[in-house]
Amino acid sequence: MTGFAEFWAGRELWREPLLAGVLAGGLLSYLGVFVVLRRMVFVSAALSEISGVGVATAFYVGAVAGIDPHTHRAIPLLLEPVWFSLVFACAAAALFSLRPGHRKLAPETIVGLGYIVASALVLAILNSPRIAQEAHAVGDILFGNAVTVPRAQIYALAGAGSVAVLAHVLFFKELLFVSYDPETAMVQGVGVFRYETLLNVIVAVVISVATRAVGALPVFAFTVLPAAAALMLTENMRSTIPLSIAFGVVSAAVGYYVSWIEQLPTGATMVVVASVFLLPGLARLAKRSTV
């Protein structure tokens, strides 16, 4: 009780970060069901890295041009890291929707290549002498800070979530169909490429915004762990989706609380809590394999 009293006493400090974590957990856990069904769980990791390349590029271009993206007022949109991040991530999302057309080159290979190249580019740009003074600011944008979250990022996350919800309200059946069984969807004349691209762009937008708020590690975890845990427990989509969202929200809230009380890294603690929800599903699978 003493720990909770201390936690509640500091609510002015954790209110925004907790809200950001819960929003990100719920949104990404919902989208994660579609990502896991498509068997492309590393899409979220790759998109997060690629959006990071956009952020780093904004600072690098600004440094080359002698312009600080955060303080220069003449061209606030041109070098704003958020826009660079969204453009890079959305372009990568469209690329990931393409079919390689080569029997030895699977879509997962394209995602892996994107992740590797993006990781190398981020490291190269961050270690450039041109942006040495802005390295800390770039790091905060790239990896987020779940301890302190500006209210503007919460608004941005809510806006991205609203766009994602609207798109899924309008095209839920099609998005679920192309995620669950793209071959049958193609045979029945459903525009697989169109809806896969839409889904990837939605995921890219949410990931770009969520990474700034809570960090790359929990973003990747929220996109995979709650959905995987829910899918192992039930095969009914009407149950899977709300269960995945519940796992994500609880993981974010409980993870933040535990990290506050025990003074642990916030993002990593959220991931550990989310991992616990895998245990019932793993136990169910183990029981099936012994029957």
C-alpha atoms as a PDB file:
ATOM      1  CA  MET A   1       0.000   0.000   0.000  1.00  0.00           C
ATOM      2  CA  THR A   2       2.888   2.345   0.726  1.00  0.00           C
ATOM      3  CA  GLY A   3       4.168   1.894  -2.820  1.00  0.00           C
ATOM      4  CA  PHE A   4       0.778   2.687  -4.295  1.00  0.00           C
ATOM      5  CA  ALA A   5       0.449   5.765  -2.076  1.00  0.00           C
ATOM      6  CA  GLU A   6       3.787   7.046  -3.335  1.00  0.00           C
ATOM      7  CA  PHE A   7       2.773   6.266  -6.885  1.00  0.00           C
ATOM      8  CA  TRP A   8      -0.531   8.114  -6.532  1.00  0.00           C
ATOM      9  CA  ALA A   9       1.178  11.081  -4.905  1.00  0.00           C
ATOM     10  CA  GLY A  10       3.307  11.506  -8.028  1.00  0.00           C
ATOM     11  CA  ARG A  11       0.375  11.380 -10.452  1.00  0.00           C
ATOM     12  CA  GLU A  12       1.219  14.821 -11.853  1.00  0.00           C
ATOM     13  CA  LEU A  13       4.457  13.298 -13.146  1.00  0.00           C
ATOM     14  CA  TRP A  14       3.187  10.002 -14.542  1.00  0.00           C
ATOM     15  CA  ARG A  15      -0.225  10.968 -15.897  1.00  0.00           C
ATOM     16  CA  GLU A  16       0.893  11.827 -19.452  1.00  0.00           C
ATOM     17  CA  PRO A  17       3.465   9.012 -19.814  1.00  0.00           C
ATOM     18  CA  LEU A  18       0.983   6.427 -18.530  1.00  0.00           C
ATOM     19  CA  LEU A  19      -1.716   7.681 -20.882  1.00  0.00           C
ATOM     20  CA  ALA A  20       0.721   7.537 -23.803  1.00  0.00           C
ATOM     21  CA  GLY A  21       1.711   3.990 -22.875  1.00  0.00           C
ATOM     22  CA  VAL A  22      -1.890   2.828 -22.596  1.00  0.00           C
ATOM     23  CA  LEU A  23      -2.840   4.451 -25.920  1.00  0.00           C
ATOM     24  CA  ALA A  24       0.174   2.934 -27.670  1.00  0.00           C
ATOM     25  CA  GLY A  25      -0.432  -0.458 -26.059  1.00  0.00           C
ATOM     26  CA  GLY A  26      -4.066  -0.570 -27.126  1.00  0.00           C
ATOM     27  CA  LEU A  27      -3.515   0.656 -30.682  1.00  0.00           C
ATOM     28  CA  LEU A  28      -0.479  -1.493 -31.425  1.00  0.00           C
ATOM     29  CA  SER A  29      -2.035  -4.586 -29.866  1.00  0.00           C
ATOM     30  CA  TYR A  30      -5.026  -4.193 -32.167  1.00  0.00           C
ATOM     31  CA  LEU A  31      -2.884  -3.697 -35.266  1.00  0.00           C
ATOM     32  CA  GLY A  32      -0.626  -6.505 -34.100  1.00  0.00           C
ATOM     33  CA  VAL A  33      -3.387  -9.061 -34.684  1.00  0.00           C
ATOM     34  CA  PHE A  34      -3.271  -8.268 -38.403  1.00  0.00           C
ATOM     35  CA  VAL A  35       0.541  -8.207 -38.453  1.00  0.00           C
ATOM     36  CA  VAL A  36       0.826 -11.587 -36.721  1.00  0.00           C
ATOM     37  CA  LEU A  37      -1.848 -13.127 -38.947  1.00  0.00           C
ATOM     38  CA  ARG A  38       0.190 -12.044 -41.976  1.00  0.00           C
ATOM     39  CA  ARG A  39       3.274 -13.735 -40.455  1.00  0.00           C
ATOM     40  CA  MET A  40       5.295 -10.527 -40.785  1.00  0.00           C
ATOM     41  CA  VAL A  41       6.053  -9.714 -37.171  1.00  0.00           C
ATOM     42  CA  PHE A  42       9.309  -7.943 -38.009  1.00  0.00           C
ATOM     43  CA  VAL A  43       7.473  -5.349 -40.085  1.00  0.00           C
ATOM     44  CA  SER A  44       6.987  -3.240 -36.952  1.00  0.00           C
ATOM     45  CA  ALA A  45      10.678  -3.438 -36.058  1.00  0.00           C
ATOM     46  CA  ALA A  46      11.709  -2.525 -39.593  1.00  0.00           C
ATOM     47  CA  LEU A  47       9.234   0.367 -39.808  1.00  0.00           C
ATOM     48  CA  SER A  48      10.433   1.686 -36.463  1.00  0.00           C
ATOM     49  CA  GLU A  49      14.038   1.680 -37.657  1.00  0.00           C
ATOM     50  CA  ILE A  50      13.128   3.255 -40.979  1.00  0.00           C
ATOM     51  CA  SER A  51      11.145   6.021 -39.307  1.00  0.00           C
ATOM     52  CA  GLY A  52      14.266   6.584 -37.220  1.00  0.00           C
ATOM     53  CA  VAL A  53      16.240   7.073 -40.418  1.00  0.00           C
ATOM     54  CA  GLY A  54      13.779   9.819 -41.326  1.00  0.00           C
ATOM     55  CA  VAL A  55      14.324  11.559 -37.997  1.00  0.00           C
ATOM     56  CA  ALA A  56      18.100  11.341 -38.266  1.00  0.00           C
ATOM     57  CA  THR A  57      17.976  12.523 -41.877  1.00  0.00           C
ATOM     58  CA  ALA A  58      15.976  15.614 -40.878  1.00  0.00           C
ATOM     59  CA  PHE A  59      18.695  16.627 -38.424  1.00  0.00           C
ATOM     60  CA  TYR A  60      21.485  15.817 -40.881  1.00  0.00           C
ATOM     61  CA  VAL A  61      19.927  17.834 -43.688  1.00  0.00           C
ATOM     62  CA  GLY A  62      19.343  20.692 -41.270  1.00  0.00           C
ATOM     63  CA  ALA A  63      22.955  20.562 -40.119  1.00  0.00           C
ATOM     64  CA  VAL A  64      24.252  20.574 -43.704  1.00  0.00           C
ATOM     65  CA  ALA A  65      22.007  23.539 -44.513  1.00  0.00           C
ATOM     66  CA  GLY A  66      22.892  25.275 -41.261  1.00  0.00           C
ATOM     67  CA  ILE A  67      19.294  25.032 -39.986  1.00  0.00           C
ATOM     68  CA  ASP A  68      18.097  23.647 -36.655  1.00  0.00           C
ATOM     69  CA  PRO A  69      14.794  21.788 -37.306  1.00  0.00           C
ATOM     70  CA  HIS A  70      13.488  22.696 -33.863  1.00  0.00           C
ATOM     71  CA  THR A  71      14.338  26.405 -33.710  1.00  0.00           C
ATOM     72  CA  HIS A  72      14.228  27.668 -37.283  1.00  0.00           C
ATOM     73  CA  ARG A  73      10.855  29.256 -37.966  1.00  0.00           C
ATOM     74  CA  ALA A  74      11.073  30.015 -41.691  1.00  0.00           C
ATOM     75  CA  ILE A  75      10.556  26.407 -42.845  1.00  0.00           C
ATOM     76  CA  PRO A  76       9.021  24.579 -39.856  1.00  0.00           C
ATOM     77  CA  LEU A  77       7.402  21.852 -41.964  1.00  0.00           C
ATOM     78  CA  LEU A  78      10.259  21.235 -44.384  1.00  0.00           C
ATOM     79  CA  LEU A  79      12.710  19.946 -41.771  1.00  0.00           C
ATOM     80  CA  GLU A  80      10.346  18.796 -39.038  1.00  0.00           C
ATOM     81  CA  PRO A  81      11.587  15.325 -37.936  1.00  0.00           C
ATOM     82  CA  VAL A  82       8.033  14.008 -37.526  1.00  0.00           C
ATOM     83  CA  TRP A  83       7.252  14.556 -41.200  1.00  0.00           C
ATOM     84  CA  PHE A  84      10.502  12.966 -42.305  1.00  0.00           C
ATOM     85  CA  SER A  85       9.700  10.007 -40.067  1.00  0.00           C
ATOM     86  CA  LEU A  86       6.204   9.585 -41.496  1.00  0.00           C
ATOM     87  CA  VAL A  87       7.338   9.914 -45.113  1.00  0.00           C
ATOM     88  CA  PHE A  88      10.122   7.364 -44.709  1.00  0.00           C
ATOM     89  CA  ALA A  89       7.901   4.901 -42.827  1.00  0.00           C
ATOM     90  CA  CYS A  90       4.996   5.199 -45.267  1.00  0.00           C
ATOM     91  CA  ALA A  91       7.311   4.737 -48.250  1.00  0.00           C
ATOM     92  CA  ALA A  92       8.741   1.616 -46.617  1.00  0.00           C
ATOM     93  CA  ALA A  93       5.214   0.363 -45.867  1.00  0.00           C
ATOM     94  CA  ALA A  94       4.348   0.614 -49.558  1.00  0.00           C
ATOM     95  CA  LEU A  95       7.576  -1.200 -50.456  1.00  0.00           C
ATOM     96  CA  PHE A  96       6.833  -4.013 -48.019  1.00  0.00           C
ATOM     97  CA  SER A  97       3.482  -4.536 -49.732  1.00  0.00           C
ATOM     98  CA  LEU A  98       5.148  -5.397 -53.037  1.00  0.00           C
ATOM     99  CA  ARG A  99       5.590  -8.999 -54.088  1.00  0.00           C
ATOM    100  CA  PRO A 100       9.237  -9.666 -55.030  1.00  0.00           C
ATOM    101  CA  GLY A 101       8.244 -11.842 -57.993  1.00  0.00           C
ATOM    102  CA  HIS A 102      11.147 -14.179 -57.265  1.00  0.00           C
ATOM    103  CA  ARG A 103      10.581 -17.648 -55.852  1.00  0.00           C
ATOM    104  CA  LYS A 104      13.718 -17.449 -53.717  1.00  0.00           C
ATOM    105  CA  LEU A 105      13.078 -13.936 -52.425  1.00  0.00           C
ATOM    106  CA  ALA A 106      10.236 -13.942 -49.857  1.00  0.00           C
ATOM    107  CA  PRO A 107       8.514 -10.778 -48.578  1.00  0.00           C
ATOM    108  CA  GLU A 108      10.151 -11.404 -45.188  1.00  0.00           C
ATOM    109  CA  THR A 109      13.519 -11.004 -46.907  1.00  0.00           C
ATOM    110  CA  ILE A 110      12.549  -7.517 -48.094  1.00  0.00           C
ATOM    111  CA  VAL A 111      11.532  -6.592 -44.545  1.00  0.00           C
ATOM    112  CA  GLY A 112      14.816  -7.957 -43.186  1.00  0.00           C
ATOM    113  CA  LEU A 113      16.834  -6.017 -45.731  1.00  0.00           C
ATOM    114  CA  GLY A 114      14.945  -2.860 -44.830  1.00  0.00           C
ATOM    115  CA  TYR A 115      15.687  -3.383 -41.150  1.00  0.00           C
ATOM    116  CA  ILE A 116      19.402  -4.023 -41.724  1.00  0.00           C
ATOM    117  CA  VAL A 117      19.918  -1.061 -44.047  1.00  0.00           C
ATOM    118  CA  ALA A 118      17.904   1.275 -41.807  1.00  0.00           C
ATOM    119  CA  SER A 119      19.842   0.238 -38.699  1.00  0.00           C
ATOM    120  CA  ALA A 120      23.130   0.901 -40.471  1.00  0.00           C
ATOM    121  CA  LEU A 121      21.954   4.291 -41.729  1.00  0.00           C
ATOM    122  CA  VAL A 122      20.810   5.388 -38.268  1.00  0.00           C
ATOM    123  CA  LEU A 123      24.164   4.465 -36.749  1.00  0.00           C
ATOM    124  CA  ALA A 124      26.059   6.168 -39.558  1.00  0.00           C
ATOM    125  CA  ILE A 125      24.079   9.407 -39.328  1.00  0.00           C
ATOM    126  CA  LEU A 126      24.099   9.527 -35.522  1.00  0.00           C
ATOM    127  CA  ASN A 127      27.876   9.212 -35.494  1.00  0.00           C
ATOM    128  CA  SER A 128      28.332  11.964 -38.050  1.00  0.00           C
ATOM    129  CA  PRO A 129      30.275  14.962 -36.676  1.00  0.00           C
ATOM    130  CA  ARG A 130      27.716  17.244 -38.321  1.00  0.00           C
ATOM    131  CA  ILE A 131      25.016  16.382 -35.763  1.00  0.00           C
ATOM    132  CA  ALA A 132      27.200  15.697 -32.731  1.00  0.00           C
ATOM    133  CA  GLN A 133      25.559  18.513 -30.779  1.00  0.00           C
ATOM    134  CA  GLU A 134      22.049  17.255 -31.562  1.00  0.00           C
ATOM    135  CA  ALA A 135      22.780  13.561 -30.828  1.00  0.00           C
ATOM    136  CA  HIS A 136      20.918  13.594 -27.505  1.00  0.00           C
ATOM    137  CA  ALA A 137      17.843  15.252 -29.025  1.00  0.00           C
ATOM    138  CA  VAL A 138      17.880  12.777 -31.899  1.00  0.00           C
ATOM    139  CA  GLY A 139      18.128   9.895 -29.428  1.00  0.00           C
ATOM    140  CA  ASP A 140      15.080  11.102 -27.508  1.00  0.00           C
ATOM    141  CA  ILE A 141      13.065  11.298 -30.718  1.00  0.00           C
ATOM    142  CA  LEU A 142      14.295   7.945 -32.031  1.00  0.00           C
ATOM    143  CA  PHE A 143      13.842   5.881 -28.911  1.00  0.00           C
ATOM    144  CA  GLY A 144      11.199   7.840 -27.043  1.00  0.00           C
ATOM    145  CA  ASN A 145      11.084   8.543 -23.345  1.00  0.00           C
ATOM    146  CA  ALA A 146       8.314   6.721 -21.497  1.00  0.00           C
ATOM    147  CA  VAL A 147       9.142   8.635 -18.310  1.00  0.00           C
ATOM    148  CA  THR A 148       8.361  12.110 -19.672  1.00  0.00           C
ATOM    149  CA  VAL A 149       5.985  12.484 -22.603  1.00  0.00           C
ATOM    150  CA  PRO A 150       4.946  15.932 -23.892  1.00  0.00           C
ATOM    151  CA  ARG A 151       1.209  16.397 -24.256  1.00  0.00           C
ATOM    152  CA  ALA A 152       1.681  17.169 -27.956  1.00  0.00           C
ATOM    153  CA  GLN A 153       2.867  13.594 -28.503  1.00  0.00           C
ATOM    154  CA  ILE A 154      -0.272  12.272 -26.821  1.00  0.00           C
ATOM    155  CA  TYR A 155      -2.383  14.359 -29.191  1.00  0.00           C
ATOM    156  CA  ALA A 156      -0.370  13.054 -32.131  1.00  0.00           C
ATOM    157  CA  LEU A 157      -0.829   9.474 -30.933  1.00  0.00           C
ATOM    158  CA  ALA A 158      -4.562  10.010 -30.489  1.00  0.00           C
ATOM    159  CA  GLY A 159      -4.750  11.508 -33.987  1.00  0.00           C
ATOM    160  CA  ALA A 160      -2.886   8.583 -35.549  1.00  0.00           C
ATOM    161  CA  GLY A 161      -5.116   6.191 -33.632  1.00  0.00           C
ATOM    162  CA  SER A 162      -8.238   7.939 -34.896  1.00  0.00           C
ATOM    163  CA  VAL A 163      -7.056   7.562 -38.489  1.00  0.00           C
ATOM    164  CA  ALA A 164      -6.311   3.872 -37.908  1.00  0.00           C
ATOM    165  CA  VAL A 165      -9.696   3.246 -36.289  1.00  0.00           C
ATOM    166  CA  LEU A 166     -11.543   5.031 -39.102  1.00  0.00           C
ATOM    167  CA  ALA A 167      -9.750   3.014 -41.775  1.00  0.00           C
ATOM    168  CA  HIS A 168     -10.537  -0.241 -39.984  1.00  0.00           C
ATOM    169  CA  VAL A 169     -14.171   0.706 -39.470  1.00  0.00           C
ATOM    170  CA  LEU A 170     -14.498   1.280 -43.210  1.00  0.00           C
ATOM    171  CA  PHE A 171     -12.467  -1.717 -44.432  1.00  0.00           C
ATOM    172  CA  PHE A 172     -12.353  -4.173 -41.521  1.00  0.00           C
ATOM    173  CA  LYS A 173     -13.541  -7.254 -43.434  1.00  0.00           C
ATOM    174  CA  GLU A 174     -11.172  -6.664 -46.331  1.00  0.00           C
ATOM    175  CA  LEU A 175      -8.157  -6.018 -44.087  1.00  0.00           C
ATOM    176  CA  LEU A 176      -8.886  -9.114 -42.028  1.00  0.00           C
ATOM    177  CA  PHE A 177      -9.419 -11.230 -45.147  1.00  0.00           C
ATOM    178  CA  VAL A 178      -6.140 -10.258 -46.830  1.00  0.00           C
ATOM    179  CA  SER A 179      -4.283 -10.749 -43.532  1.00  0.00           C
ATOM    180  CA  TYR A 180      -5.763 -14.161 -42.722  1.00  0.00           C
ATOM    181  CA  ASP A 181      -5.957 -15.723 -46.203  1.00  0.00           C
ATOM    182  CA  PRO A 182      -4.458 -13.556 -48.963  1.00  0.00           C
ATOM    183  CA  GLU A 183      -4.464 -16.372 -51.542  1.00  0.00           C
ATOM    184  CA  THR A 184      -8.215 -16.935 -51.255  1.00  0.00           C
ATOM    185  CA  ALA A 185      -8.808 -13.190 -51.198  1.00  0.00           C
ATOM    186  CA  MET A 186      -6.883 -12.830 -54.455  1.00  0.00           C
ATOM    187  CA  VAL A 187      -8.880 -15.659 -56.085  1.00  0.00           C
ATOM    188  CA  GLN A 188     -12.131 -13.949 -55.066  1.00  0.00           C
ATOM    189  CA  GLY A 189     -11.057 -10.687 -56.656  1.00  0.00           C
ATOM    190  CA  VAL A 190     -10.246  -8.729 -53.506  1.00  0.00           C
ATOM    191  CA  GLY A 191      -7.589  -6.078 -54.097  1.00  0.00           C
ATOM    192  CA  VAL A 192      -4.904  -7.721 -51.964  1.00  0.00           C
ATOM    193  CA  PHE A 193      -2.142  -5.277 -52.843  1.00  0.00           C
ATOM    194  CA  ARG A 194      -4.400  -2.280 -52.196  1.00  0.00           C
ATOM    195  CA  TYR A 195      -5.515  -3.438 -48.763  1.00  0.00           C
ATOM    196  CA  GLU A 196      -2.104  -4.740 -47.735  1.00  0.00           C
ATOM    197  CA  THR A 197      -0.643  -1.355 -48.617  1.00  0.00           C
ATOM    198  CA  LEU A 198      -3.369   0.403 -46.631  1.00  0.00           C
ATOM    199  CA  LEU A 199      -2.691  -1.823 -43.622  1.00  0.00           C
ATOM    200  CA  ASN A 200       1.061  -1.308 -43.822  1.00  0.00           C
ATOM    201  CA  VAL A 201       0.669   2.468 -44.088  1.00  0.00           C
ATOM    202  CA  ILE A 202      -1.655   2.520 -41.062  1.00  0.00           C
ATOM    203  CA  VAL A 203       0.859   0.484 -39.072  1.00  0.00           C
ATOM    204  CA  ALA A 204       3.670   2.771 -40.242  1.00  0.00           C
ATOM    205  CA  VAL A 205       1.856   5.932 -39.133  1.00  0.00           C
ATOM    206  CA  VAL A 206       1.022   4.572 -35.686  1.00  0.00           C
ATOM    207  CA  ILE A 207       4.527   3.161 -35.181  1.00  0.00           C
ATOM    208  CA  SER A 208       6.184   6.439 -36.235  1.00  0.00           C
ATOM    209  CA  VAL A 209       4.203   8.369 -33.643  1.00  0.00           C
ATOM    210  CA  ALA A 210       4.257   5.719 -30.903  1.00  0.00           C
ATOM    211  CA  THR A 211       8.036   5.249 -31.095  1.00  0.00           C
ATOM    212  CA  ARG A 212       8.556   8.892 -30.169  1.00  0.00           C
ATOM    213  CA  ALA A 213       6.241   8.521 -27.172  1.00  0.00           C
ATOM    214  CA  VAL A 214       7.243   5.186 -25.609  1.00  0.00           C
ATOM    215  CA  GLY A 215      10.347   3.957 -27.442  1.00  0.00           C
ATOM    216  CA  ALA A 216      11.238   1.392 -30.092  1.00  0.00           C
ATOM    217  CA  LEU A 217      11.395  -1.706 -27.851  1.00  0.00           C
ATOM    218  CA  PRO A 218       7.876  -1.483 -26.361  1.00  0.00           C
ATOM    219  CA  VAL A 219       6.448  -0.508 -29.760  1.00  0.00           C
ATOM    220  CA  PHE A 220       7.814  -3.715 -31.287  1.00  0.00           C
ATOM    221  CA  ALA A 221       6.669  -5.746 -28.276  1.00  0.00           C
ATOM    222  CA  PHE A 222       3.135  -4.325 -28.250  1.00  0.00           C
ATOM    223  CA  THR A 223       2.802  -5.147 -31.944  1.00  0.00           C
ATOM    224  CA  VAL A 224       3.688  -8.803 -31.399  1.00  0.00           C
ATOM    225  CA  LEU A 225       3.260 -10.117 -27.838  1.00  0.00           C
ATOM    226  CA  PRO A 226      -0.400  -9.293 -27.006  1.00  0.00           C
ATOM    227  CA  ALA A 227      -1.612 -10.478 -30.414  1.00  0.00           C
ATOM    228  CA  ALA A 228       0.413 -13.703 -30.206  1.00  0.00           C
ATOM    229  CA  ALA A 229      -0.869 -14.358 -26.671  1.00  0.00           C
ATOM    230  CA  ALA A 230      -4.476 -13.801 -27.738  1.00  0.00           C
ATOM    231  CA  LEU A 231      -4.183 -15.953 -30.872  1.00  0.00           C
ATOM    232  CA  MET A 232      -2.800 -18.845 -28.832  1.00  0.00           C
ATOM    233  CA  LEU A 233      -5.799 -18.704 -26.507  1.00  0.00           C
ATOM    234  CA  THR A 234      -8.589 -18.371 -29.065  1.00  0.00           C
ATOM    235  CA  GLU A 235      -9.071 -18.698 -32.805  1.00  0.00           C
ATOM    236  CA  ASN A 236     -12.251 -16.626 -32.844  1.00  0.00           C
ATOM    237  CA  MET A 237     -11.468 -13.131 -34.146  1.00  0.00           C
ATOM    238  CA  ARG A 238     -14.347 -11.654 -32.150  1.00  0.00           C
ATOM    239  CA  SER A 239     -12.513 -12.773 -29.024  1.00  0.00           C
ATOM    240  CA  THR A 240      -8.934 -12.407 -30.242  1.00  0.00           C
ATOM    241  CA  ILE A 241      -9.031  -8.685 -31.017  1.00  0.00           C
ATOM    242  CA  PRO A 242     -10.501  -7.432 -27.700  1.00  0.00           C
ATOM    243  CA  LEU A 243      -8.294  -9.896 -25.802  1.00  0.00           C
ATOM    244  CA  SER A 244      -5.181  -8.597 -27.550  1.00  0.00           C
ATOM    245  CA  ILE A 245      -6.161  -4.987 -26.824  1.00  0.00           C
ATOM    246  CA  ALA A 246      -6.776  -5.845 -23.162  1.00  0.00           C
ATOM    247  CA  PHE A 247      -3.363  -7.525 -22.895  1.00  0.00           C
ATOM    248  CA  GLY A 248      -1.674  -4.480 -24.425  1.00  0.00           C
ATOM    249  CA  VAL A 249      -3.434  -1.944 -22.206  1.00  0.00           C
ATOM    250  CA  VAL A 250      -2.831  -3.935 -19.020  1.00  0.00           C
ATOM    251  CA  SER A 251       0.819  -4.524 -19.956  1.00  0.00           C
ATOM    252  CA  ALA A 252       1.371  -0.796 -20.449  1.00  0.00           C
ATOM    253  CA  ALA A 253      -0.405   0.211 -17.227  1.00  0.00           C
ATOM    254  CA  VAL A 254       1.011  -2.502 -14.970  1.00  0.00           C
ATOM    255  CA  GLY A 255       4.457  -2.234 -16.553  1.00  0.00           C
ATOM    256  CA  TYR A 256       4.566   1.492 -15.920  1.00  0.00           C
ATOM    257  CA  TYR A 257       3.398   1.057 -12.320  1.00  0.00           C
ATOM    258  CA  VAL A 258       5.987  -1.646 -11.584  1.00  0.00           C
ATOM    259  CA  SER A 259       8.763   0.377 -13.206  1.00  0.00           C
ATOM    260  CA  TRP A 260       7.821   3.392 -11.063  1.00  0.00           C
ATOM    261  CA  ILE A 261       7.699   1.451  -7.795  1.00  0.00           C
ATOM    262  CA  GLU A 262      10.797  -0.671  -8.425  1.00  0.00           C
ATOM    263  CA  GLN A 263      12.722   2.044 -10.324  1.00  0.00           C
ATOM    264  CA  LEU A 264      13.166  -0.156 -13.381  1.00  0.00           C
ATOM    265  CA  PRO A 265      13.476   0.834 -17.063  1.00  0.00           C
ATOM    266  CA  THR A 266       9.930   1.634 -18.147  1.00  0.00           C
ATOM    267  CA  GLY A 267       9.929   0.248 -21.671  1.00  0.00           C
ATOM    268  CA  ALA A 268      11.656  -2.991 -20.713  1.00  0.00           C
ATOM    269  CA  THR A 269       9.288  -3.523 -17.773  1.00  0.00           C
ATOM    270  CA  MET A 270       6.262  -3.118 -20.048  1.00  0.00           C
ATOM    271  CA  VAL A 271       7.717  -5.772 -22.351  1.00  0.00           C
ATOM    272  CA  VAL A 272       8.288  -8.190 -19.466  1.00  0.00           C
ATOM    273  CA  VAL A 273       4.701  -7.776 -18.276  1.00  0.00           C
ATOM    274  CA  ALA A 274       3.414  -8.328 -21.825  1.00  0.00           C
ATOM    275  CA  SER A 275       5.492 -11.519 -22.013  1.00  0.00           C
ATOM    276  CA  VAL A 276       3.659 -12.945 -19.003  1.00  0.00           C
ATOM    277  CA  PHE A 277       0.450 -13.081 -21.052  1.00  0.00           C
ATOM    278  CA  LEU A 278       2.126 -15.637 -23.326  1.00  0.00           C
ATOM    279  CA  LEU A 279       2.214 -18.228 -20.542  1.00  0.00           C
ATOM    280  CA  PRO A 280      -1.465 -19.336 -20.651  1.00  0.00           C
ATOM    281  CA  GLY A 281      -1.292 -19.780 -24.405  1.00  0.00           C
ATOM    282  CA  LEU A 282       1.977 -21.706 -24.217  1.00  0.00           C
ATOM    283  CA  ALA A 283       0.469 -23.949 -21.537  1.00  0.00           C
ATOM    284  CA  ARG A 284      -2.554 -24.556 -23.779  1.00  0.00           C
ATOM    285  CA  LEU A 285      -0.316 -25.476 -26.717  1.00  0.00           C
ATOM    286  CA  ALA A 286       1.768 -27.785 -24.513  1.00  0.00           C
ATOM    287  CA  LYS A 287      -1.377 -29.516 -23.285  1.00  0.00           C
ATOM    288  CA  ARG A 288      -2.548 -30.021 -26.871  1.00  0.00           C
ATOM    289  CA  SER A 289       0.775 -31.543 -27.923  1.00  0.00           C
ATOM    290  CA  THR A 290       0.619 -34.148 -25.144  1.00  0.00           C
ATOM    291  CA  VAL A 291      -2.915 -35.319 -26.002  1.00  0.00           C
END
